[in-house]
Amino acid sequence: MPGRKRANKAPLEYPTLEQMEEEIARLKYRKRYGRALRGTVYSLAVVAAVAILIATLWMPVLQITGASMTPTLVDGQFVVAVKTSEFEPGDITAFYYNNKILIKRVIASAGDWVDISQEGDVYVNGVLLEEPYIKEKALGECNIELPYQVPDGKVFVMGDDRAVSLDSRTTAVGPVSKEQVLGRVVFRVWPLNVLGTVE
């Protein structure tokens, strides 16, 4: 329009070659960083899934509750069990009982005869068991008829704290069948000051 001055436009500033190289390098770095981050997240997700699968299928991690396995296992400790249904006397087994998981020591297998004296001495097939893992012997809560023969496909279990443990000495728990068994307790993982194998 006549009488109006045109505003002066600032000249366009183009980036220098150095600035363009820096921007390209920054974009490439962001792209590499994003790929690396995604790769790390995917790797961690796979590792976590595998760990959960292993823990569920082969090596469940269990928390000890109660005092029935004292002094071997103490309330609050965490242990790892290996999936198996084959046991030797002295092994520690985890098994299902009334929607709970109990942990006890295998004393005798199918066909064995178990006898327990009033003083708490345990005999299997007439032989006195050496039990270095218990602190004090006790007959405990026992309402089965002794001597007792372990039925086929089952194991006879007892807790290491004989005075308080409810186990195969009572008809409420009885001998443990293979279908009940979760696995054999082999390793203590928490707290770290007791990390190691379970015997």
N, C-alpha and C. Protein backbone atom coordinates (compact mmCIF):
# COMPACT_ATOMS: atom_id res chain seq x y z
N MET A 1 0.85 -1.20 0.00
CA MET A 1 0.00 0.00 0.00
C MET A 1 0.88 1.24 0.00
N PRO A 2 0.42 2.32 -0.67
CA PRO A 2 1.23 3.53 -0.72
C PRO A 2 1.37 4.17 0.65
N GLY A 3 2.50 4.77 0.89
CA GLY A 3 2.75 5.45 2.17
C GLY A 3 3.22 4.54 3.27
N ARG A 4 3.23 3.15 3.13
CA ARG A 4 3.64 2.22 4.20
C ARG A 4 5.00 1.63 3.82
N LYS A 5 5.93 1.67 4.78
CA LYS A 5 7.25 1.12 4.55
C LYS A 5 7.23 -0.38 4.77
N ARG A 6 7.96 -1.10 3.94
CA ARG A 6 8.06 -2.56 4.11
C ARG A 6 9.07 -2.88 5.19
N ALA A 7 8.65 -3.81 6.04
CA ALA A 7 9.56 -4.22 7.13
C ALA A 7 10.75 -4.96 6.54
N ASN A 8 11.90 -4.68 7.14
CA ASN A 8 13.11 -5.39 6.69
C ASN A 8 13.11 -6.81 7.23
N LYS A 9 13.27 -7.77 6.37
CA LYS A 9 13.33 -9.17 6.81
C LYS A 9 14.76 -9.52 7.14
N ALA A 10 14.92 -10.28 8.28
CA ALA A 10 16.28 -10.72 8.65
C ALA A 10 16.72 -11.78 7.65
N PRO A 11 17.94 -11.73 7.27
CA PRO A 11 18.42 -12.74 6.31
C PRO A 11 18.39 -14.14 6.93
N LEU A 12 18.06 -15.14 6.14
CA LEU A 12 18.02 -16.52 6.62
C LEU A 12 19.43 -16.99 6.96
N GLU A 13 19.52 -17.66 8.14
CA GLU A 13 20.81 -18.19 8.55
C GLU A 13 20.79 -19.70 8.34
N TYR A 14 21.63 -20.18 7.51
CA TYR A 14 21.73 -21.61 7.27
C TYR A 14 22.75 -22.22 8.21
N PRO A 15 22.45 -23.47 8.68
CA PRO A 15 23.42 -24.10 9.59
C PRO A 15 24.74 -24.36 8.87
N THR A 16 25.77 -24.29 9.65
CA THR A 16 27.09 -24.57 9.10
C THR A 16 27.25 -26.06 8.92
N LEU A 17 28.25 -26.43 8.16
CA LEU A 17 28.54 -27.86 7.96
C LEU A 17 28.82 -28.55 9.28
N GLU A 18 29.53 -27.87 10.16
CA GLU A 18 29.86 -28.44 11.47
C GLU A 18 28.60 -28.69 12.30
N GLN A 19 27.67 -27.70 12.27
CA GLN A 19 26.41 -27.87 13.01
C GLN A 19 25.58 -29.02 12.46
N MET A 20 25.56 -29.15 11.13
CA MET A 20 24.82 -30.26 10.52
C MET A 20 25.43 -31.60 10.91
N GLU A 21 26.74 -31.70 10.94
CA GLU A 21 27.40 -32.96 11.33
C GLU A 21 27.09 -33.29 12.79
N GLU A 22 27.09 -32.27 13.65
CA GLU A 22 26.77 -32.49 15.07
C GLU A 22 25.34 -32.99 15.24
N GLU A 23 24.39 -32.40 14.48
CA GLU A 23 22.99 -32.82 14.57
C GLU A 23 22.81 -34.25 14.07
N ILE A 24 23.47 -34.57 12.96
CA ILE A 24 23.40 -35.94 12.43
C ILE A 24 23.97 -36.92 13.43
N ALA A 25 25.10 -36.57 14.05
CA ALA A 25 25.73 -37.44 15.05
C ALA A 25 24.80 -37.63 16.25
N ARG A 26 24.12 -36.50 16.66
CA ARG A 26 23.19 -36.58 17.80
C ARG A 26 22.02 -37.51 17.49
N LEU A 27 21.47 -37.39 16.29
CA LEU A 27 20.33 -38.24 15.89
C LEU A 27 20.74 -39.70 15.81
N LYS A 28 21.96 -39.94 15.29
CA LYS A 28 22.44 -41.33 15.22
C LYS A 28 22.64 -41.90 16.61
N TYR A 29 23.16 -41.08 17.53
CA TYR A 29 23.37 -41.53 18.91
C TYR A 29 22.04 -41.88 19.57
N ARG A 30 21.03 -41.00 19.36
CA ARG A 30 19.71 -41.27 19.94
C ARG A 30 19.13 -42.57 19.40
N LYS A 31 19.35 -42.79 18.10
CA LYS A 31 18.82 -44.02 17.49
C LYS A 31 19.53 -45.25 18.07
N ARG A 32 20.88 -45.16 18.20
CA ARG A 32 21.64 -46.28 18.77
C ARG A 32 21.25 -46.51 20.22
N TYR A 33 21.09 -45.41 20.98
CA TYR A 33 20.72 -45.51 22.39
C TYR A 33 19.35 -46.16 22.54
N GLY A 34 18.41 -45.74 21.68
CA GLY A 34 17.07 -46.33 21.72
C GLY A 34 17.09 -47.82 21.43
N ARG A 35 17.90 -48.22 20.41
CA ARG A 35 18.02 -49.65 20.10
C ARG A 35 18.63 -50.42 21.26
N ALA A 36 19.68 -49.83 21.85
CA ALA A 36 20.36 -50.49 22.98
C ALA A 36 19.41 -50.63 24.17
N LEU A 37 18.64 -49.58 24.43
CA LEU A 37 17.69 -49.61 25.56
C LEU A 37 16.62 -50.66 25.33
N ARG A 38 16.07 -50.67 24.10
CA ARG A 38 15.05 -51.69 23.79
C ARG A 38 15.64 -53.09 23.92
N GLY A 39 16.85 -53.28 23.42
CA GLY A 39 17.50 -54.59 23.51
C GLY A 39 17.70 -55.02 24.95
N THR A 40 18.10 -54.06 25.81
CA THR A 40 18.30 -54.37 27.23
C THR A 40 16.99 -54.75 27.90
N VAL A 41 15.93 -53.99 27.61
CA VAL A 41 14.61 -54.27 28.19
C VAL A 41 14.13 -55.65 27.75
N TYR A 42 14.28 -55.96 26.46
CA TYR A 42 13.86 -57.28 25.97
C TYR A 42 14.66 -58.38 26.64
N SER A 43 15.98 -58.17 26.78
CA SER A 43 16.84 -59.19 27.41
C SER A 43 16.43 -59.44 28.86
N LEU A 44 16.18 -58.33 29.59
CA LEU A 44 15.76 -58.48 30.99
C LEU A 44 14.41 -59.19 31.09
N ALA A 45 13.51 -58.87 30.17
CA ALA A 45 12.20 -59.53 30.18
C ALA A 45 12.34 -61.03 29.93
N VAL A 46 13.21 -61.40 28.99
CA VAL A 46 13.44 -62.83 28.70
C VAL A 46 14.06 -63.53 29.89
N VAL A 47 15.07 -62.89 30.51
CA VAL A 47 15.73 -63.48 31.68
C VAL A 47 14.73 -63.67 32.82
N ALA A 48 13.89 -62.65 33.05
CA ALA A 48 12.89 -62.75 34.12
C ALA A 48 11.90 -63.87 33.83
N ALA A 49 11.47 -63.99 32.57
CA ALA A 49 10.52 -65.04 32.21
C ALA A 49 11.14 -66.42 32.40
N VAL A 50 12.40 -66.55 31.99
CA VAL A 50 13.09 -67.84 32.16
C VAL A 50 13.26 -68.17 33.64
N ALA A 51 13.62 -67.15 34.45
CA ALA A 51 13.79 -67.37 35.89
C ALA A 51 12.49 -67.82 36.53
N ILE A 52 11.39 -67.17 36.14
CA ILE A 52 10.07 -67.55 36.68
C ILE A 52 9.71 -68.97 36.26
N LEU A 53 9.99 -69.30 35.00
CA LEU A 53 9.70 -70.64 34.49
C LEU A 53 10.50 -71.69 35.25
N ILE A 54 11.79 -71.41 35.45
CA ILE A 54 12.64 -72.36 36.18
C ILE A 54 12.15 -72.51 37.62
N ALA A 55 11.84 -71.36 38.25
CA ALA A 55 11.38 -71.41 39.64
C ALA A 55 10.06 -72.16 39.77
N THR A 56 9.21 -72.04 38.76
CA THR A 56 7.91 -72.71 38.81
C THR A 56 8.01 -74.19 38.49
N LEU A 57 8.79 -74.53 37.47
CA LEU A 57 8.80 -75.90 36.98
C LEU A 57 9.88 -76.79 37.60
N TRP A 58 11.05 -76.23 37.85
CA TRP A 58 12.16 -77.09 38.26
C TRP A 58 12.73 -76.77 39.64
N MET A 59 12.81 -75.50 39.99
CA MET A 59 13.48 -75.13 41.23
C MET A 59 12.69 -74.08 42.01
N PRO A 60 11.57 -74.49 42.62
CA PRO A 60 10.78 -73.50 43.36
C PRO A 60 11.54 -72.94 44.56
N VAL A 61 11.34 -71.65 44.82
CA VAL A 61 11.93 -70.99 45.99
C VAL A 61 10.84 -70.92 47.07
N LEU A 62 11.18 -71.38 48.26
CA LEU A 62 10.19 -71.48 49.34
C LEU A 62 10.68 -70.73 50.57
N GLN A 63 9.72 -70.17 51.32
CA GLN A 63 10.07 -69.51 52.58
C GLN A 63 9.71 -70.42 53.74
N ILE A 64 10.63 -70.52 54.69
CA ILE A 64 10.40 -71.34 55.88
C ILE A 64 9.50 -70.57 56.83
N THR A 65 8.44 -71.21 57.29
CA THR A 65 7.58 -70.62 58.32
C THR A 65 7.45 -71.62 59.46
N GLY A 66 7.53 -71.13 60.68
CA GLY A 66 7.41 -72.01 61.83
C GLY A 66 8.75 -72.56 62.28
N ALA A 67 8.69 -73.42 63.31
CA ALA A 67 9.92 -73.91 63.95
C ALA A 67 10.11 -75.41 63.82
N SER A 68 9.31 -76.09 62.99
CA SER A 68 9.35 -77.55 62.98
C SER A 68 10.65 -78.13 62.43
N MET A 69 11.44 -77.31 61.67
CA MET A 69 12.70 -77.82 61.13
C MET A 69 13.93 -77.20 61.81
N THR A 70 13.71 -76.54 62.93
CA THR A 70 14.82 -75.99 63.71
C THR A 70 15.65 -77.16 64.29
N PRO A 71 16.96 -77.09 64.30
CA PRO A 71 17.81 -75.95 63.96
C PRO A 71 18.29 -75.92 62.49
N THR A 72 17.92 -76.92 61.69
CA THR A 72 18.41 -76.97 60.31
C THR A 72 17.90 -75.80 59.49
N LEU A 73 16.60 -75.55 59.56
CA LEU A 73 15.98 -74.45 58.83
C LEU A 73 15.19 -73.61 59.83
N VAL A 74 15.34 -72.28 59.70
CA VAL A 74 14.76 -71.38 60.69
C VAL A 74 13.71 -70.49 60.03
N ASP A 75 12.71 -70.13 60.80
CA ASP A 75 11.62 -69.27 60.32
C ASP A 75 12.17 -68.04 59.61
N GLY A 76 11.64 -67.77 58.40
CA GLY A 76 12.05 -66.60 57.63
C GLY A 76 13.10 -66.87 56.58
N GLN A 77 13.80 -68.00 56.67
CA GLN A 77 14.81 -68.32 55.65
C GLN A 77 14.14 -68.71 54.33
N PHE A 78 14.87 -68.52 53.23
CA PHE A 78 14.40 -68.93 51.91
C PHE A 78 15.28 -70.06 51.40
N VAL A 79 14.64 -71.07 50.83
CA VAL A 79 15.36 -72.24 50.32
C VAL A 79 14.91 -72.55 48.90
N VAL A 80 15.76 -73.29 48.19
CA VAL A 80 15.45 -73.73 46.83
C VAL A 80 15.24 -75.23 46.85
N ALA A 81 14.18 -75.69 46.19
CA ALA A 81 13.90 -77.12 46.08
C ALA A 81 14.08 -77.57 44.63
N VAL A 82 14.52 -78.78 44.46
CA VAL A 82 14.68 -79.37 43.13
C VAL A 82 13.54 -80.36 42.92
N LYS A 83 12.88 -80.25 41.77
CA LYS A 83 11.74 -81.13 41.49
C LYS A 83 12.21 -82.58 41.38
N THR A 84 11.70 -83.42 42.25
CA THR A 84 11.98 -84.85 42.22
C THR A 84 10.98 -85.55 43.12
N SER A 85 10.79 -86.84 42.89
CA SER A 85 9.95 -87.63 43.79
C SER A 85 10.74 -88.82 44.34
N GLU A 86 12.05 -88.80 44.11
CA GLU A 86 12.91 -89.87 44.62
C GLU A 86 13.71 -89.33 45.79
N PHE A 87 13.65 -90.03 46.91
CA PHE A 87 14.30 -89.56 48.13
C PHE A 87 15.08 -90.67 48.82
N GLU A 88 16.15 -90.24 49.50
CA GLU A 88 16.91 -91.10 50.38
C GLU A 88 16.61 -90.68 51.81
N PRO A 89 16.67 -91.61 52.77
CA PRO A 89 16.51 -91.20 54.17
C PRO A 89 17.51 -90.09 54.51
N GLY A 90 17.04 -89.06 55.20
CA GLY A 90 17.88 -87.92 55.53
C GLY A 90 17.65 -86.73 54.62
N ASP A 91 17.09 -86.95 53.42
CA ASP A 91 16.76 -85.83 52.52
C ASP A 91 15.64 -85.00 53.13
N ILE A 92 15.61 -83.72 52.77
CA ILE A 92 14.54 -82.84 53.21
C ILE A 92 13.58 -82.62 52.05
N THR A 93 12.31 -82.86 52.29
CA THR A 93 11.32 -82.76 51.22
C THR A 93 10.32 -81.65 51.50
N ALA A 94 9.85 -81.03 50.41
CA ALA A 94 8.74 -80.07 50.48
C ALA A 94 7.54 -80.74 49.83
N PHE A 95 6.39 -80.66 50.49
CA PHE A 95 5.21 -81.33 49.96
C PHE A 95 3.94 -80.55 50.30
N TYR A 96 2.91 -80.80 49.49
CA TYR A 96 1.63 -80.12 49.70
C TYR A 96 0.83 -80.84 50.78
N TYR A 97 0.22 -80.03 51.65
CA TYR A 97 -0.66 -80.57 52.68
C TYR A 97 -1.72 -79.52 52.99
N ASN A 98 -2.96 -79.83 52.71
CA ASN A 98 -4.07 -78.90 53.00
C ASN A 98 -3.83 -77.50 52.45
N ASN A 99 -3.49 -77.42 51.17
CA ASN A 99 -3.24 -76.15 50.49
C ASN A 99 -2.08 -75.35 51.06
N LYS A 100 -1.20 -76.03 51.80
CA LYS A 100 0.02 -75.42 52.31
C LYS A 100 1.19 -76.27 51.84
N ILE A 101 2.39 -75.72 51.98
CA ILE A 101 3.59 -76.49 51.69
C ILE A 101 4.32 -76.73 53.00
N LEU A 102 4.54 -77.98 53.33
CA LEU A 102 5.29 -78.35 54.53
C LEU A 102 6.68 -78.83 54.12
N ILE A 103 7.63 -78.64 55.01
CA ILE A 103 9.00 -79.09 54.78
C ILE A 103 9.41 -79.97 55.95
N LYS A 104 9.78 -81.21 55.64
CA LYS A 104 10.15 -82.20 56.66
C LYS A 104 11.30 -83.05 56.15
N ARG A 105 11.86 -83.86 57.05
CA ARG A 105 12.96 -84.74 56.69
C ARG A 105 12.44 -86.16 56.46
N VAL A 106 12.93 -86.78 55.38
CA VAL A 106 12.54 -88.16 55.08
C VAL A 106 13.27 -89.10 56.05
N ILE A 107 12.48 -89.94 56.71
CA ILE A 107 13.02 -90.88 57.68
C ILE A 107 13.05 -92.30 57.13
N ALA A 108 12.02 -92.66 56.38
CA ALA A 108 11.93 -94.03 55.87
C ALA A 108 11.13 -94.06 54.58
N SER A 109 11.36 -95.09 53.79
CA SER A 109 10.69 -95.23 52.48
C SER A 109 9.66 -96.35 52.53
N ALA A 110 8.96 -96.53 51.41
CA ALA A 110 7.91 -97.55 51.32
C ALA A 110 8.45 -98.92 51.73
N GLY A 111 7.67 -99.61 52.58
CA GLY A 111 8.04 -100.96 53.02
C GLY A 111 8.84 -100.98 54.30
N ASP A 112 9.47 -99.85 54.67
CA ASP A 112 10.27 -99.81 55.90
C ASP A 112 9.38 -99.82 57.14
N TRP A 113 9.93 -100.35 58.22
CA TRP A 113 9.24 -100.34 59.51
C TRP A 113 9.86 -99.24 60.37
N VAL A 114 9.00 -98.36 60.91
CA VAL A 114 9.46 -97.25 61.76
C VAL A 114 8.97 -97.50 63.19
N ASP A 115 9.88 -97.34 64.15
CA ASP A 115 9.50 -97.44 65.56
C ASP A 115 10.16 -96.28 66.31
N ILE A 116 9.44 -95.72 67.27
CA ILE A 116 9.95 -94.58 68.04
C ILE A 116 9.72 -94.86 69.52
N SER A 117 10.79 -94.75 70.31
CA SER A 117 10.68 -95.00 71.75
C SER A 117 10.08 -93.79 72.45
N GLN A 118 9.72 -93.97 73.71
CA GLN A 118 9.18 -92.87 74.51
C GLN A 118 10.20 -91.74 74.65
N GLU A 119 11.48 -92.09 74.60
CA GLU A 119 12.55 -91.09 74.72
C GLU A 119 12.81 -90.36 73.39
N GLY A 120 12.20 -90.86 72.30
CA GLY A 120 12.38 -90.21 71.02
C GLY A 120 13.42 -90.86 70.12
N ASP A 121 13.97 -91.99 70.52
CA ASP A 121 14.89 -92.71 69.64
C ASP A 121 14.10 -93.28 68.46
N VAL A 122 14.61 -93.09 67.25
CA VAL A 122 13.93 -93.54 66.04
C VAL A 122 14.66 -94.75 65.47
N TYR A 123 13.90 -95.81 65.22
CA TYR A 123 14.44 -97.03 64.63
C TYR A 123 13.78 -97.26 63.28
N VAL A 124 14.59 -97.60 62.29
CA VAL A 124 14.07 -97.99 60.98
C VAL A 124 14.54 -99.40 60.70
N ASN A 125 13.57 -100.31 60.53
CA ASN A 125 13.87 -101.73 60.33
C ASN A 125 14.75 -102.27 61.45
N GLY A 126 14.46 -101.81 62.68
CA GLY A 126 15.15 -102.30 63.86
C GLY A 126 16.50 -101.66 64.13
N VAL A 127 16.94 -100.73 63.28
CA VAL A 127 18.25 -100.09 63.45
C VAL A 127 18.06 -98.66 63.93
N LEU A 128 18.77 -98.30 65.02
CA LEU A 128 18.67 -96.94 65.55
C LEU A 128 19.27 -95.94 64.57
N LEU A 129 18.51 -94.89 64.25
CA LEU A 129 19.00 -93.85 63.32
C LEU A 129 19.99 -92.93 64.03
N GLU A 130 21.07 -92.62 63.33
CA GLU A 130 21.96 -91.55 63.79
C GLU A 130 21.42 -90.25 63.23
N GLU A 131 21.11 -89.32 64.11
CA GLU A 131 20.46 -88.08 63.68
C GLU A 131 21.22 -86.85 64.21
N PRO A 132 22.34 -86.51 63.60
CA PRO A 132 23.12 -85.36 64.08
C PRO A 132 22.43 -84.03 63.84
N TYR A 133 21.37 -84.03 63.04
CA TYR A 133 20.68 -82.78 62.70
C TYR A 133 19.66 -82.35 63.73
N ILE A 134 19.37 -83.18 64.74
CA ILE A 134 18.40 -82.76 65.76
C ILE A 134 19.12 -82.38 67.05
N LYS A 135 18.52 -81.41 67.76
CA LYS A 135 19.12 -80.96 69.02
C LYS A 135 18.63 -81.77 70.20
N GLU A 136 17.36 -82.16 70.13
CA GLU A 136 16.75 -82.83 71.28
C GLU A 136 15.75 -83.87 70.80
N LYS A 137 15.85 -85.07 71.32
CA LYS A 137 14.93 -86.14 70.96
C LYS A 137 13.61 -85.98 71.72
N ALA A 138 12.52 -86.36 71.06
CA ALA A 138 11.21 -86.34 71.71
C ALA A 138 10.26 -87.22 70.91
N LEU A 139 9.35 -87.87 71.59
CA LEU A 139 8.33 -88.66 70.90
C LEU A 139 7.38 -87.73 70.17
N GLY A 140 7.12 -86.56 70.76
CA GLY A 140 6.26 -85.56 70.12
C GLY A 140 4.83 -86.05 70.00
N GLU A 141 4.08 -85.38 69.13
CA GLU A 141 2.68 -85.76 68.91
C GLU A 141 2.64 -86.98 68.01
N CYS A 142 2.29 -88.10 68.60
CA CYS A 142 2.32 -89.37 67.87
C CYS A 142 1.07 -90.18 68.22
N ASN A 143 0.18 -90.37 67.21
CA ASN A 143 -1.01 -91.18 67.48
C ASN A 143 -1.14 -92.35 66.50
N ILE A 144 -0.03 -92.68 65.80
CA ILE A 144 -0.05 -93.85 64.94
C ILE A 144 0.35 -95.07 65.76
N GLU A 145 -0.02 -96.24 65.27
CA GLU A 145 0.35 -97.47 65.98
C GLU A 145 1.78 -97.86 65.59
N LEU A 146 2.63 -97.98 66.59
CA LEU A 146 4.03 -98.34 66.37
C LEU A 146 4.27 -99.79 66.73
N PRO A 147 5.19 -100.48 66.07
CA PRO A 147 5.92 -100.03 64.89
C PRO A 147 4.97 -99.85 63.69
N TYR A 148 5.39 -98.99 62.75
CA TYR A 148 4.54 -98.58 61.63
C TYR A 148 5.25 -98.92 60.33
N GLN A 149 4.53 -99.60 59.43
CA GLN A 149 5.13 -99.90 58.12
C GLN A 149 4.67 -98.85 57.11
N VAL A 150 5.65 -98.26 56.42
CA VAL A 150 5.36 -97.22 55.44
C VAL A 150 4.68 -97.84 54.22
N PRO A 151 3.50 -97.34 53.83
CA PRO A 151 2.78 -97.91 52.68
C PRO A 151 3.52 -97.71 51.36
N ASP A 152 3.15 -98.49 50.35
CA ASP A 152 3.74 -98.37 49.02
C ASP A 152 3.52 -96.97 48.46
N GLY A 153 4.54 -96.47 47.75
CA GLY A 153 4.43 -95.18 47.09
C GLY A 153 4.48 -93.99 48.03
N LYS A 154 4.91 -94.20 49.29
CA LYS A 154 4.93 -93.11 50.26
C LYS A 154 6.26 -93.08 51.01
N VAL A 155 6.50 -91.92 51.66
CA VAL A 155 7.67 -91.80 52.53
C VAL A 155 7.20 -91.31 53.89
N PHE A 156 7.95 -91.69 54.93
CA PHE A 156 7.66 -91.29 56.30
C PHE A 156 8.56 -90.10 56.62
N VAL A 157 7.94 -88.98 57.05
CA VAL A 157 8.71 -87.75 57.29
C VAL A 157 8.53 -87.27 58.73
N MET A 158 9.56 -86.58 59.21
CA MET A 158 9.51 -85.97 60.54
C MET A 158 10.26 -84.65 60.50
N GLY A 159 9.81 -83.70 61.33
CA GLY A 159 10.53 -82.44 61.47
C GLY A 159 11.74 -82.61 62.38
N ASP A 160 12.71 -81.72 62.24
CA ASP A 160 13.92 -81.83 63.08
C ASP A 160 13.67 -81.39 64.52
N ASP A 161 12.68 -80.53 64.74
CA ASP A 161 12.30 -80.19 66.11
C ASP A 161 11.17 -81.12 66.51
N ARG A 162 11.55 -82.26 67.05
CA ARG A 162 10.59 -83.35 67.27
C ARG A 162 9.48 -83.01 68.25
N ALA A 163 9.74 -82.08 69.16
CA ALA A 163 8.73 -81.75 70.17
C ALA A 163 7.57 -80.97 69.60
N VAL A 164 7.79 -80.19 68.53
CA VAL A 164 6.72 -79.32 68.02
C VAL A 164 6.20 -79.72 66.64
N SER A 165 6.95 -80.54 65.92
CA SER A 165 6.59 -80.85 64.54
C SER A 165 5.37 -81.75 64.44
N LEU A 166 4.46 -81.38 63.51
CA LEU A 166 3.36 -82.26 63.13
C LEU A 166 3.77 -82.92 61.82
N ASP A 167 3.83 -84.25 61.82
CA ASP A 167 4.39 -84.94 60.66
C ASP A 167 3.78 -86.34 60.54
N SER A 168 4.52 -87.28 59.98
CA SER A 168 3.97 -88.62 59.74
C SER A 168 3.66 -89.40 61.01
N ARG A 169 4.07 -88.88 62.15
CA ARG A 169 3.73 -89.53 63.42
C ARG A 169 2.25 -89.36 63.76
N THR A 170 1.58 -88.44 63.07
CA THR A 170 0.15 -88.22 63.34
C THR A 170 -0.68 -88.66 62.15
N THR A 171 -1.86 -89.14 62.43
CA THR A 171 -2.77 -89.54 61.35
C THR A 171 -3.26 -88.33 60.55
N ALA A 172 -3.18 -87.12 61.14
CA ALA A 172 -3.61 -85.91 60.44
C ALA A 172 -2.73 -85.65 59.22
N VAL A 173 -1.43 -85.89 59.34
CA VAL A 173 -0.51 -85.69 58.22
C VAL A 173 -0.23 -87.02 57.53
N GLY A 174 0.23 -88.01 58.30
CA GLY A 174 0.49 -89.34 57.76
C GLY A 174 1.68 -89.37 56.83
N PRO A 175 1.91 -90.50 56.20
CA PRO A 175 3.01 -90.61 55.24
C PRO A 175 2.71 -89.79 53.99
N VAL A 176 3.75 -89.36 53.29
CA VAL A 176 3.61 -88.47 52.15
C VAL A 176 3.68 -89.26 50.85
N SER A 177 2.68 -89.05 49.98
CA SER A 177 2.67 -89.75 48.69
C SER A 177 3.45 -88.95 47.65
N LYS A 178 3.84 -89.63 46.58
CA LYS A 178 4.59 -88.97 45.51
C LYS A 178 3.79 -87.84 44.86
N GLU A 179 2.47 -87.98 44.86
CA GLU A 179 1.63 -86.94 44.26
C GLU A 179 1.68 -85.64 45.07
N GLN A 180 1.96 -85.74 46.36
CA GLN A 180 2.02 -84.55 47.22
C GLN A 180 3.36 -83.82 47.10
N VAL A 181 4.38 -84.51 46.66
CA VAL A 181 5.75 -84.00 46.75
C VAL A 181 5.99 -82.87 45.75
N LEU A 182 6.58 -81.78 46.26
CA LEU A 182 6.98 -80.66 45.42
C LEU A 182 8.44 -80.83 45.00
N GLY A 183 9.29 -81.30 45.90
CA GLY A 183 10.69 -81.48 45.55
C GLY A 183 11.56 -81.70 46.77
N ARG A 184 12.87 -81.75 46.52
CA ARG A 184 13.86 -81.94 47.58
C ARG A 184 14.55 -80.61 47.85
N VAL A 185 14.57 -80.20 49.10
CA VAL A 185 15.21 -78.94 49.49
C VAL A 185 16.72 -79.14 49.49
N VAL A 186 17.42 -78.32 48.69
CA VAL A 186 18.86 -78.53 48.51
C VAL A 186 19.72 -77.33 48.86
N PHE A 187 19.14 -76.11 48.84
CA PHE A 187 19.98 -74.93 48.97
C PHE A 187 19.27 -73.84 49.75
N ARG A 188 20.01 -73.19 50.64
CA ARG A 188 19.49 -72.06 51.41
C ARG A 188 20.01 -70.79 50.75
N VAL A 189 19.10 -69.86 50.38
CA VAL A 189 19.53 -68.68 49.63
C VAL A 189 19.38 -67.36 50.40
N TRP A 190 18.66 -67.37 51.49
CA TRP A 190 18.48 -66.13 52.27
C TRP A 190 18.20 -66.46 53.71
N PRO A 191 18.77 -65.69 54.66
CA PRO A 191 19.67 -64.56 54.47
C PRO A 191 21.05 -64.99 53.98
N LEU A 192 21.82 -64.03 53.49
CA LEU A 192 23.09 -64.35 52.86
C LEU A 192 24.11 -64.96 53.82
N ASN A 193 23.99 -64.68 55.11
CA ASN A 193 24.97 -65.23 56.06
C ASN A 193 24.80 -66.73 56.27
N VAL A 194 23.68 -67.31 55.77
CA VAL A 194 23.51 -68.78 55.87
C VAL A 194 23.42 -69.41 54.48
N LEU A 195 23.85 -68.67 53.46
CA LEU A 195 23.83 -69.18 52.08
C LEU A 195 24.61 -70.47 51.99
N GLY A 196 24.00 -71.48 51.40
CA GLY A 196 24.73 -72.76 51.22
C GLY A 196 23.78 -73.93 51.12
N THR A 197 24.37 -75.10 50.97
CA THR A 197 23.59 -76.32 50.82
C THR A 197 22.90 -76.68 52.13
N VAL A 198 21.79 -77.38 52.00
CA VAL A 198 21.02 -77.83 53.16
C VAL A 198 21.28 -79.31 53.36
N GLU A 199 21.62 -79.68 54.58
CA GLU A 199 21.89 -81.09 54.88
C GLU A 199 21.03 -81.56 56.04
